[in-house]
C-alpha atoms as a PDB file:
ATOM      1  CA  MET A   1       0.000   0.000   0.000  1.00  0.00           C
ATOM      2  CA  THR A   2       1.337   3.381  -0.926  1.00  0.00           C
ATOM      3  CA  SER A   3       1.199   6.339   1.415  1.00  0.00           C
ATOM      4  CA  GLY A   4      -0.553   9.645   0.858  1.00  0.00           C
ATOM      5  CA  ALA A   5      -4.035  10.727  -0.133  1.00  0.00           C
ATOM      6  CA  ILE A   6      -6.304   8.452  -2.097  1.00  0.00           C
ATOM      7  CA  ASN A   7      -6.577   9.756  -5.652  1.00  0.00           C
ATOM      8  CA  ASP A   8      -9.345  12.381  -6.088  1.00  0.00           C
ATOM      9  CA  LEU A   9     -11.069  11.751  -2.731  1.00  0.00           C
ATOM     10  CA  GLU A  10      -9.636  14.609  -0.675  1.00  0.00           C
ATOM     11  CA  SER A  11     -12.682  16.886  -0.970  1.00  0.00           C
ATOM     12  CA  LEU A  12     -15.457  14.282  -0.503  1.00  0.00           C
ATOM     13  CA  ASP A  13     -17.678  13.848   2.565  1.00  0.00           C
ATOM     14  CA  LEU A  14     -16.467  10.390   3.617  1.00  0.00           C
ATOM     15  CA  ARG A  15     -18.463   9.168   6.630  1.00  0.00           C
ATOM     16  CA  THR A  16     -16.837   5.795   7.252  1.00  0.00           C
ATOM     17  CA  LEU A  17     -14.225   3.424   5.852  1.00  0.00           C
ATOM     18  CA  ALA A  18     -14.064  -0.365   6.003  1.00  0.00           C
ATOM     19  CA  VAL A  19     -11.682  -3.013   4.703  1.00  0.00           C
ATOM     20  CA  GLY A  20     -13.703  -5.669   2.918  1.00  0.00           C
ATOM     21  CA  PRO A  21     -13.110  -9.410   2.761  1.00  0.00           C
ATOM     22  CA  ASP A  22     -11.416  -8.769  -0.592  1.00  0.00           C
ATOM     23  CA  GLN A  23      -8.870  -6.511   1.223  1.00  0.00           C
ATOM     24  CA  ARG A  24     -10.147  -3.457  -0.630  1.00  0.00           C
ATOM     25  CA  LEU A  25     -11.197  -0.212   1.007  1.00  0.00           C
ATOM     26  CA  TRP A  26     -14.914   0.629   0.989  1.00  0.00           C
ATOM     27  CA  ALA A  27     -15.634   4.339   1.554  1.00  0.00           C
ATOM     28  CA  ALA A  28     -19.124   5.685   2.333  1.00  0.00           C
ATOM     29  CA  ASP A  29     -19.345   8.984   0.451  1.00  0.00           C
ATOM     30  CA  ALA A  30     -22.121  11.283   1.684  1.00  0.00           C
ATOM     31  CA  SER A  31     -21.388  14.084  -0.778  1.00  0.00           C
ATOM     32  CA  ALA A  32     -24.791  15.578  -1.620  1.00  0.00           C
ATOM     33  CA  ALA A  33     -24.098  15.773  -5.363  1.00  0.00           C
ATOM     34  CA  SER A  34     -23.229  12.076  -5.754  1.00  0.00           C
ATOM     35  CA  PRO A  35     -23.762   9.896  -2.668  1.00  0.00           C
ATOM     36  CA  GLY A  36     -22.651   6.284  -2.723  1.00  0.00           C
ATOM     37  CA  VAL A  37     -19.976   3.794  -1.815  1.00  0.00           C
ATOM     38  CA  ARG A  38     -16.552   3.997  -3.420  1.00  0.00           C
ATOM     39  CA  LEU A  39     -14.421   0.866  -3.745  1.00  0.00           C
ATOM     40  CA  ILE A  40     -10.699   1.623  -3.552  1.00  0.00           C
ATOM     41  CA  ASP A  41      -7.761  -0.598  -4.541  1.00  0.00           C
ATOM     42  CA  PRO A  42      -5.147  -0.091  -1.796  1.00  0.00           C
ATOM     43  CA  GLN A  43      -2.319  -1.236  -4.077  1.00  0.00           C
ATOM     44  CA  ASP A  44      -2.426   1.962  -6.131  1.00  0.00           C
ATOM     45  CA  ASN A  45      -5.082   4.077  -4.320  1.00  0.00           C
ATOM     46  CA  SER A  46      -7.332   4.080  -7.381  1.00  0.00           C
ATOM     47  CA  GLN A  47     -11.122   3.980  -7.359  1.00  0.00           C
ATOM     48  CA  ILE A  48     -12.192   0.745  -9.037  1.00  0.00           C
ATOM     49  CA  ASP A  49     -15.965   0.963  -8.586  1.00  0.00           C
ATOM     50  CA  PHE A  50     -18.754   3.257  -7.406  1.00  0.00           C
ATOM     51  CA  ILE A  51     -22.142   2.131  -6.077  1.00  0.00           C
ATOM     52  CA  SER A  52     -24.626   4.984  -6.301  1.00  0.00           C
ATOM     53  CA  THR A  53     -27.183   5.382  -3.500  1.00  0.00           C
ATOM     54  CA  SER A  54     -30.263   7.570  -3.163  1.00  0.00           C
ATOM     55  CA  LEU A  55     -29.583   8.213   0.540  1.00  0.00           C
ATOM     56  CA  LEU A  56     -26.410   9.441   2.231  1.00  0.00           C
ATOM     57  CA  PRO A  57     -24.462   6.353   3.346  1.00  0.00           C
ATOM     58  CA  ASN A  58     -23.033   6.448   6.860  1.00  0.00           C
ATOM     59  CA  GLN A  59     -21.959   2.827   7.442  1.00  0.00           C
ATOM     60  CA  VAL A  60     -20.395  -0.049   5.536  1.00  0.00           C
ATOM     61  CA  GLY A  61     -21.013  -3.631   6.633  1.00  0.00           C
ATOM     62  CA  PHE A  62     -20.320  -7.120   5.360  1.00  0.00           C
ATOM     63  CA  ALA A  63     -22.203 -10.371   5.919  1.00  0.00           C
ATOM     64  CA  ALA A  64     -20.799 -13.891   5.873  1.00  0.00           C
ATOM     65  CA  VAL A  65     -22.551 -16.312   3.527  1.00  0.00           C
ATOM     66  CA  ASP A  66     -22.637 -20.022   4.274  1.00  0.00           C
ATOM     67  CA  GLN A  67     -21.729 -22.002   1.162  1.00  0.00           C
ATOM     68  CA  ASP A  68     -23.196 -25.313   2.454  1.00  0.00           C
END
């Protein structure tokens, strides 16, 4: 993981961060213009996905799924 700011996220309203089971960073972005969850690759600090939401996200959670 490189040090420093995550590319292009410095001015966003990030409410919470979580490391997912895939070892990627999930950031809840409550910016009024474009709320959602941003998926960040910690290897190069790039945004690899964005999940748009209609409400301002303030938590990120993960659930275990039984494969039986």
